[in-house]
Amino acid sequence: MTKGSLVLSLPFKYKEYLEKSDDFSPSALLARDVCGFRLVHSEIADHRNFTPVALLPPRLVATQQQIKSTDYALSCFETLEGLKQLVKRMSKTSPQFLKRAGDHYAKMSIRNTDGMFTKPNAKSHFDFHEYITFVATTSVVEHGTLVP
């Protein structure tokens, strides 16, 4: 089975972009029940909260030569502390980071039937690739203000 046919056989929400990506490898992804923490805005229903960065204005990906799979995933952390560390790092270099990404957090309960994710890195970050049936707002089990 080729990479393209594997992507097509799985119901990824943004598969039309993932198929064009040179770095997307479904066989390297994990599927199990996990919790994921991510930055969100104060209103949980805000469309920016659960839209991949490549699809938010400004659409930076349109100017890129290569499509990256991470741009079409939801950025999550295994721990709230990992998310706080990201905010601390980004706030030093990008003063508008919290305004763009949100100054609240959402703890999502992600089931193995919701999608697949990359192996978490040393900073507890992982990319969550949603299936078309995943409704992010219903996966939120906790939502609060993030204080870096």
N, C-alpha and C. Protein backbone atom coordinates (compact mmCIF):
# COMPACT_ATOMS: atom_id res chain seq x y z
N MET A 1 0.85 -1.18 0.00
CA MET A 1 0.00 0.00 0.00
C MET A 1 0.89 1.24 0.00
N THR A 2 0.63 2.18 -0.86
CA THR A 2 1.42 3.40 -0.93
C THR A 2 0.94 4.41 0.11
N LYS A 3 1.77 5.42 0.35
CA LYS A 3 1.38 6.46 1.31
C LYS A 3 0.06 7.09 0.89
N GLY A 4 -0.08 7.42 -0.38
CA GLY A 4 -1.30 8.06 -0.87
C GLY A 4 -2.54 7.23 -0.64
N SER A 5 -2.44 5.93 -0.88
CA SER A 5 -3.62 5.09 -0.70
C SER A 5 -3.95 4.92 0.78
N LEU A 6 -2.93 4.92 1.65
CA LEU A 6 -3.18 4.84 3.08
C LEU A 6 -3.87 6.10 3.57
N VAL A 7 -3.43 7.26 3.11
CA VAL A 7 -4.08 8.51 3.49
C VAL A 7 -5.54 8.49 3.03
N LEU A 8 -5.77 8.04 1.82
CA LEU A 8 -7.13 7.99 1.28
C LEU A 8 -8.02 7.03 2.05
N SER A 9 -7.44 5.95 2.57
CA SER A 9 -8.26 4.96 3.27
C SER A 9 -8.64 5.40 4.68
N LEU A 10 -7.95 6.37 5.24
CA LEU A 10 -8.27 6.87 6.57
C LEU A 10 -9.05 8.17 6.44
N PRO A 11 -10.06 8.37 7.28
CA PRO A 11 -10.94 9.54 7.13
C PRO A 11 -10.40 10.83 7.74
N PHE A 12 -9.20 11.24 7.34
CA PHE A 12 -8.63 12.47 7.88
C PHE A 12 -9.42 13.68 7.39
N LYS A 13 -9.63 14.63 8.29
CA LYS A 13 -10.40 15.83 7.97
C LYS A 13 -9.77 16.67 6.87
N TYR A 14 -8.45 16.74 6.83
CA TYR A 14 -7.77 17.59 5.85
C TYR A 14 -6.92 16.76 4.89
N LYS A 15 -7.44 15.61 4.50
CA LYS A 15 -6.64 14.68 3.70
C LYS A 15 -6.23 15.24 2.35
N GLU A 16 -6.99 16.19 1.78
CA GLU A 16 -6.60 16.76 0.49
C GLU A 16 -5.27 17.50 0.59
N TYR A 17 -4.96 18.05 1.76
CA TYR A 17 -3.68 18.71 1.98
C TYR A 17 -2.61 17.69 2.39
N LEU A 18 -2.99 16.76 3.24
CA LEU A 18 -2.03 15.75 3.72
C LEU A 18 -1.49 14.91 2.57
N GLU A 19 -2.31 14.65 1.59
CA GLU A 19 -1.86 13.87 0.43
C GLU A 19 -0.76 14.59 -0.35
N LYS A 20 -0.75 15.91 -0.30
CA LYS A 20 0.24 16.71 -1.02
C LYS A 20 1.50 16.95 -0.21
N SER A 21 1.49 16.53 1.03
CA SER A 21 2.61 16.74 1.92
C SER A 21 3.67 15.66 1.73
N ASP A 22 4.92 16.08 1.70
CA ASP A 22 6.02 15.12 1.59
C ASP A 22 6.39 14.50 2.94
N ASP A 23 5.94 15.12 4.03
CA ASP A 23 6.37 14.65 5.34
C ASP A 23 5.29 13.90 6.13
N PHE A 24 4.16 13.60 5.50
CA PHE A 24 3.08 12.93 6.22
C PHE A 24 3.22 11.42 6.09
N SER A 25 3.29 10.75 7.23
CA SER A 25 3.44 9.30 7.25
C SER A 25 2.43 8.70 8.21
N PRO A 26 1.25 8.29 7.72
CA PRO A 26 0.24 7.72 8.61
C PRO A 26 0.73 6.52 9.41
N SER A 27 1.64 5.74 8.84
CA SER A 27 2.13 4.56 9.55
C SER A 27 2.94 4.93 10.79
N ALA A 28 3.42 6.17 10.88
CA ALA A 28 4.18 6.62 12.05
C ALA A 28 3.29 7.23 13.13
N LEU A 29 1.98 7.34 12.85
CA LEU A 29 1.06 7.98 13.79
C LEU A 29 0.53 6.98 14.81
N LEU A 30 0.08 7.51 15.93
CA LEU A 30 -0.48 6.71 17.02
C LEU A 30 -1.99 6.94 17.09
N ALA A 31 -2.69 5.93 17.55
CA ALA A 31 -4.14 6.05 17.77
C ALA A 31 -4.46 5.38 19.10
N ARG A 32 -4.77 6.20 20.09
CA ARG A 32 -5.18 5.70 21.40
C ARG A 32 -5.87 6.83 22.14
N ASP A 33 -6.48 6.52 23.25
CA ASP A 33 -7.15 7.54 24.04
C ASP A 33 -6.10 8.37 24.79
N VAL A 34 -6.16 9.70 24.63
CA VAL A 34 -5.22 10.61 25.29
C VAL A 34 -5.94 11.89 25.68
N CYS A 35 -5.28 12.68 26.49
CA CYS A 35 -5.72 14.04 26.77
C CYS A 35 -4.74 14.97 26.08
N GLY A 36 -5.27 16.03 25.51
CA GLY A 36 -4.43 17.02 24.86
C GLY A 36 -4.79 18.41 25.33
N PHE A 37 -3.78 19.20 25.63
CA PHE A 37 -3.97 20.59 26.04
C PHE A 37 -3.56 21.48 24.88
N ARG A 38 -4.39 22.51 24.59
CA ARG A 38 -4.02 23.45 23.54
C ARG A 38 -4.51 24.84 23.88
N LEU A 39 -3.88 25.83 23.26
CA LEU A 39 -4.29 27.21 23.45
C LEU A 39 -5.60 27.47 22.72
N VAL A 40 -6.49 28.21 23.36
CA VAL A 40 -7.75 28.59 22.76
C VAL A 40 -8.11 30.00 23.23
N HIS A 41 -9.12 30.55 22.62
CA HIS A 41 -9.63 31.86 23.03
C HIS A 41 -10.69 31.67 24.12
N SER A 42 -11.13 32.77 24.71
CA SER A 42 -12.04 32.69 25.86
C SER A 42 -13.38 32.03 25.52
N GLU A 43 -13.86 32.26 24.31
CA GLU A 43 -15.13 31.63 23.88
C GLU A 43 -14.79 30.31 23.21
N ILE A 44 -15.17 29.22 23.82
CA ILE A 44 -14.76 27.90 23.33
C ILE A 44 -15.27 27.61 21.91
N ALA A 45 -16.37 28.23 21.52
CA ALA A 45 -16.92 28.00 20.18
C ALA A 45 -16.25 28.85 19.09
N ASP A 46 -15.29 29.68 19.46
CA ASP A 46 -14.56 30.51 18.49
C ASP A 46 -13.94 29.59 17.44
N HIS A 47 -14.21 29.85 16.17
CA HIS A 47 -13.74 28.96 15.10
C HIS A 47 -12.22 28.84 15.04
N ARG A 48 -11.50 29.81 15.54
CA ARG A 48 -10.02 29.77 15.51
C ARG A 48 -9.44 28.72 16.46
N ASN A 49 -10.21 28.33 17.45
CA ASN A 49 -9.70 27.41 18.47
C ASN A 49 -9.31 26.05 17.94
N PHE A 50 -10.05 25.56 16.97
CA PHE A 50 -9.82 24.19 16.50
C PHE A 50 -9.67 24.13 14.99
N THR A 51 -9.10 25.19 14.42
CA THR A 51 -8.79 25.24 13.00
C THR A 51 -7.28 25.19 12.86
N PRO A 52 -6.77 24.30 12.02
CA PRO A 52 -5.31 24.24 11.83
C PRO A 52 -4.75 25.58 11.37
N VAL A 53 -3.53 25.87 11.79
CA VAL A 53 -2.90 27.17 11.53
C VAL A 53 -2.85 27.50 10.03
N ALA A 54 -2.71 26.52 9.19
CA ALA A 54 -2.62 26.77 7.74
C ALA A 54 -3.92 27.31 7.16
N LEU A 55 -5.02 27.11 7.87
CA LEU A 55 -6.32 27.55 7.36
C LEU A 55 -6.81 28.84 8.02
N LEU A 56 -5.98 29.41 8.89
CA LEU A 56 -6.31 30.68 9.54
C LEU A 56 -5.60 31.83 8.83
N PRO A 57 -6.22 33.01 8.78
CA PRO A 57 -5.54 34.15 8.18
C PRO A 57 -4.39 34.61 9.09
N PRO A 58 -3.30 35.07 8.56
CA PRO A 58 -2.98 35.04 7.14
C PRO A 58 -2.60 33.62 6.74
N ARG A 59 -3.03 33.22 5.57
CA ARG A 59 -2.78 31.85 5.11
C ARG A 59 -1.35 31.75 4.59
N LEU A 60 -0.45 31.54 5.52
CA LEU A 60 0.98 31.50 5.21
C LEU A 60 1.35 30.35 4.29
N VAL A 61 0.62 29.26 4.39
CA VAL A 61 0.95 28.07 3.61
C VAL A 61 0.81 28.33 2.12
N ALA A 62 -0.06 29.25 1.74
CA ALA A 62 -0.27 29.55 0.32
C ALA A 62 1.01 30.05 -0.33
N THR A 63 1.91 30.63 0.46
CA THR A 63 3.16 31.16 -0.10
C THR A 63 4.30 30.16 0.01
N GLN A 64 4.08 29.05 0.68
CA GLN A 64 5.14 28.07 0.84
C GLN A 64 5.24 27.17 -0.38
N GLN A 65 6.44 26.73 -0.68
CA GLN A 65 6.66 25.81 -1.78
C GLN A 65 6.22 24.40 -1.39
N GLN A 66 6.35 24.06 -0.13
CA GLN A 66 6.09 22.71 0.33
C GLN A 66 5.01 22.72 1.41
N ILE A 67 4.05 21.84 1.27
CA ILE A 67 3.01 21.70 2.28
C ILE A 67 3.55 20.81 3.40
N LYS A 68 3.38 21.26 4.64
CA LYS A 68 3.84 20.50 5.80
C LYS A 68 2.62 19.95 6.53
N SER A 69 2.66 18.68 6.87
CA SER A 69 1.52 18.05 7.53
C SER A 69 1.19 18.70 8.87
N THR A 70 2.21 19.18 9.58
CA THR A 70 1.99 19.80 10.88
C THR A 70 1.08 21.03 10.78
N ASP A 71 1.09 21.69 9.63
CA ASP A 71 0.25 22.88 9.43
C ASP A 71 -1.23 22.55 9.37
N TYR A 72 -1.55 21.27 9.15
CA TYR A 72 -2.95 20.84 9.04
C TYR A 72 -3.35 19.93 10.20
N ALA A 73 -2.64 20.08 11.30
CA ALA A 73 -2.94 19.32 12.52
C ALA A 73 -3.26 20.30 13.64
N LEU A 74 -3.87 19.81 14.69
CA LEU A 74 -4.09 20.62 15.89
C LEU A 74 -2.89 20.39 16.81
N SER A 75 -2.24 21.46 17.17
CA SER A 75 -1.08 21.41 18.04
C SER A 75 -1.54 21.19 19.48
N CYS A 76 -1.05 20.13 20.11
CA CYS A 76 -1.47 19.79 21.47
C CYS A 76 -0.26 19.43 22.32
N PHE A 77 -0.49 19.43 23.63
CA PHE A 77 0.52 19.03 24.60
C PHE A 77 -0.08 17.98 25.52
N GLU A 78 0.76 17.06 25.95
CA GLU A 78 0.31 16.02 26.89
C GLU A 78 -0.01 16.60 28.26
N THR A 79 0.68 17.70 28.60
CA THR A 79 0.50 18.29 29.93
C THR A 79 0.23 19.78 29.84
N LEU A 80 -0.45 20.29 30.84
CA LEU A 80 -0.69 21.73 30.92
C LEU A 80 0.64 22.45 31.12
N GLU A 81 1.56 21.85 31.85
CA GLU A 81 2.87 22.45 32.07
C GLU A 81 3.62 22.62 30.75
N GLY A 82 3.51 21.64 29.86
CA GLY A 82 4.14 21.75 28.55
C GLY A 82 3.59 22.92 27.76
N LEU A 83 2.29 23.12 27.85
CA LEU A 83 1.65 24.24 27.17
C LEU A 83 2.11 25.57 27.78
N LYS A 84 2.21 25.62 29.08
CA LYS A 84 2.68 26.84 29.76
C LYS A 84 4.11 27.17 29.35
N GLN A 85 4.93 26.17 29.19
CA GLN A 85 6.32 26.40 28.77
C GLN A 85 6.37 26.98 27.35
N LEU A 86 5.49 26.51 26.47
CA LEU A 86 5.40 27.08 25.12
C LEU A 86 5.04 28.56 25.19
N VAL A 87 4.05 28.88 25.99
CA VAL A 87 3.61 30.27 26.14
C VAL A 87 4.76 31.13 26.66
N LYS A 88 5.49 30.62 27.61
CA LYS A 88 6.62 31.36 28.17
C LYS A 88 7.67 31.64 27.09
N ARG A 89 8.02 30.62 26.29
CA ARG A 89 9.01 30.79 25.23
C ARG A 89 8.52 31.75 24.14
N MET A 90 7.29 31.55 23.69
CA MET A 90 6.75 32.34 22.58
C MET A 90 6.49 33.79 22.98
N SER A 91 6.11 34.02 24.22
CA SER A 91 5.83 35.39 24.68
C SER A 91 7.08 36.25 24.66
N LYS A 92 8.24 35.64 24.80
CA LYS A 92 9.50 36.39 24.77
C LYS A 92 9.83 36.88 23.37
N THR A 93 9.49 36.09 22.36
CA THR A 93 9.87 36.43 20.99
C THR A 93 8.73 36.98 20.15
N SER A 94 7.51 36.67 20.53
CA SER A 94 6.33 37.11 19.76
C SER A 94 5.31 37.73 20.71
N PRO A 95 5.37 39.04 20.91
CA PRO A 95 4.47 39.70 21.85
C PRO A 95 2.98 39.51 21.53
N GLN A 96 2.65 39.29 20.28
CA GLN A 96 1.25 39.11 19.88
C GLN A 96 0.79 37.65 19.89
N PHE A 97 1.65 36.75 20.34
CA PHE A 97 1.36 35.32 20.28
C PHE A 97 0.04 34.95 20.95
N LEU A 98 -0.16 35.40 22.18
CA LEU A 98 -1.39 35.04 22.91
C LEU A 98 -2.63 35.66 22.28
N LYS A 99 -2.48 36.82 21.69
CA LYS A 99 -3.62 37.45 21.01
C LYS A 99 -4.06 36.60 19.81
N ARG A 100 -3.08 36.06 19.10
CA ARG A 100 -3.38 35.24 17.92
C ARG A 100 -3.83 33.83 18.30
N ALA A 101 -3.12 33.22 19.24
CA ALA A 101 -3.38 31.81 19.58
C ALA A 101 -4.43 31.63 20.67
N GLY A 102 -4.63 32.65 21.49
CA GLY A 102 -5.58 32.54 22.60
C GLY A 102 -4.85 32.56 23.93
N ASP A 103 -5.53 33.06 24.95
CA ASP A 103 -4.91 33.13 26.27
C ASP A 103 -5.60 32.21 27.27
N HIS A 104 -6.35 31.25 26.74
CA HIS A 104 -7.00 30.23 27.56
C HIS A 104 -6.48 28.87 27.10
N TYR A 105 -6.80 27.86 27.87
CA TYR A 105 -6.45 26.50 27.45
C TYR A 105 -7.70 25.65 27.41
N ALA A 106 -7.63 24.63 26.60
CA ALA A 106 -8.68 23.61 26.56
C ALA A 106 -8.01 22.27 26.78
N LYS A 107 -8.57 21.49 27.68
CA LYS A 107 -8.13 20.11 27.85
C LYS A 107 -9.12 19.26 27.08
N MET A 108 -8.61 18.55 26.09
CA MET A 108 -9.47 17.73 25.24
C MET A 108 -9.28 16.26 25.57
N SER A 109 -10.37 15.54 25.60
CA SER A 109 -10.32 14.09 25.74
C SER A 109 -10.42 13.53 24.33
N ILE A 110 -9.30 13.01 23.85
CA ILE A 110 -9.22 12.50 22.48
C ILE A 110 -9.28 10.98 22.52
N ARG A 111 -10.24 10.43 21.80
CA ARG A 111 -10.41 8.97 21.75
C ARG A 111 -9.70 8.41 20.53
N ASN A 112 -9.39 7.14 20.57
CA ASN A 112 -8.67 6.53 19.46
C ASN A 112 -9.48 6.54 18.16
N THR A 113 -10.76 6.80 18.25
CA THR A 113 -11.61 6.88 17.06
C THR A 113 -11.73 8.31 16.52
N ASP A 114 -11.08 9.28 17.20
CA ASP A 114 -11.17 10.69 16.81
C ASP A 114 -10.12 11.10 15.78
N GLY A 115 -9.03 10.37 15.70
CA GLY A 115 -7.95 10.70 14.79
C GLY A 115 -6.66 10.05 15.24
N MET A 116 -5.56 10.52 14.68
CA MET A 116 -4.25 9.96 15.00
C MET A 116 -3.29 11.11 15.32
N PHE A 117 -2.23 10.79 16.06
CA PHE A 117 -1.31 11.84 16.47
C PHE A 117 0.13 11.38 16.40
N THR A 118 1.02 12.37 16.33
CA THR A 118 2.44 12.08 16.32
C THR A 118 2.90 11.71 17.73
N LYS A 119 4.02 11.04 17.80
CA LYS A 119 4.60 10.71 19.10
C LYS A 119 4.99 12.02 19.79
N PRO A 120 4.59 12.21 21.04
CA PRO A 120 4.96 13.45 21.75
C PRO A 120 6.47 13.61 21.85
N ASN A 121 6.93 14.86 21.70
CA ASN A 121 8.36 15.13 21.81
C ASN A 121 8.74 15.36 23.27
N ALA A 122 9.99 15.73 23.50
CA ALA A 122 10.49 15.93 24.86
C ALA A 122 9.78 17.06 25.60
N LYS A 123 9.17 17.97 24.86
CA LYS A 123 8.44 19.09 25.48
C LYS A 123 6.96 18.77 25.61
N SER A 124 6.57 17.53 25.37
CA SER A 124 5.21 16.99 25.47
C SER A 124 4.29 17.42 24.33
N HIS A 125 4.85 17.99 23.25
CA HIS A 125 4.04 18.43 22.12
C HIS A 125 3.75 17.28 21.16
N PHE A 126 2.52 17.28 20.63
CA PHE A 126 2.18 16.35 19.55
C PHE A 126 1.21 17.02 18.59
N ASP A 127 1.20 16.53 17.36
CA ASP A 127 0.27 17.01 16.34
C ASP A 127 -0.89 16.02 16.26
N PHE A 128 -2.10 16.54 16.37
CA PHE A 128 -3.29 15.69 16.30
C PHE A 128 -3.95 15.89 14.93
N HIS A 129 -4.02 14.81 14.17
CA HIS A 129 -4.67 14.81 12.86
C HIS A 129 -6.07 14.24 13.03
N GLU A 130 -7.06 15.12 12.93
CA GLU A 130 -8.45 14.75 13.18
C GLU A 130 -9.04 13.90 12.05
N TYR A 131 -9.97 13.06 12.42
CA TYR A 131 -10.82 12.40 11.43
C TYR A 131 -12.01 13.32 11.15
N ILE A 132 -12.69 13.10 10.05
CA ILE A 132 -13.79 13.98 9.64
C ILE A 132 -14.94 13.96 10.64
N THR A 133 -15.05 12.92 11.44
CA THR A 133 -16.15 12.81 12.40
C THR A 133 -15.86 13.51 13.73
N PHE A 134 -14.63 13.98 13.92
CA PHE A 134 -14.24 14.59 15.19
C PHE A 134 -14.84 15.98 15.33
N VAL A 135 -15.49 16.22 16.48
CA VAL A 135 -16.04 17.54 16.80
C VAL A 135 -15.30 18.02 18.04
N ALA A 136 -14.39 18.94 17.81
CA ALA A 136 -13.48 19.37 18.87
C ALA A 136 -14.19 19.92 20.10
N THR A 137 -15.21 20.75 19.90
CA THR A 137 -15.85 21.39 21.05
C THR A 137 -16.48 20.37 22.00
N THR A 138 -16.90 19.24 21.49
CA THR A 138 -17.50 18.22 22.37
C THR A 138 -16.43 17.40 23.10
N SER A 139 -15.18 17.53 22.67
CA SER A 139 -14.10 16.79 23.33
C SER A 139 -13.52 17.57 24.51
N VAL A 140 -13.90 18.84 24.65
CA VAL A 140 -13.33 19.68 25.72
C VAL A 140 -13.92 19.27 27.07
N VAL A 141 -13.03 18.89 27.99
CA VAL A 141 -13.45 18.49 29.33
C VAL A 141 -13.07 19.53 30.38
N GLU A 142 -12.24 20.49 29.97
CA GLU A 142 -11.83 21.56 30.88
C GLU A 142 -11.41 22.76 30.03
N HIS A 143 -11.77 23.95 30.51
CA HIS A 143 -11.45 25.18 29.78
C HIS A 143 -11.20 26.26 30.80
N GLY A 144 -10.06 26.93 30.69
CA GLY A 144 -9.75 27.95 31.69
C GLY A 144 -8.73 28.95 31.20
N THR A 145 -8.51 29.96 32.03
CA THR A 145 -7.52 30.99 31.72
C THR A 145 -6.13 30.42 31.95
N LEU A 146 -5.25 30.73 31.01
CA LEU A 146 -3.87 30.25 31.12
C LEU A 146 -3.02 31.37 31.66
N VAL A 147 -2.39 31.14 32.76
CA VAL A 147 -1.52 32.15 33.36
C VAL A 147 -0.09 31.66 33.22
N PRO A 148 0.70 32.32 32.34
CA PRO A 148 2.07 31.84 32.11
C PRO A 148 2.96 31.98 33.33
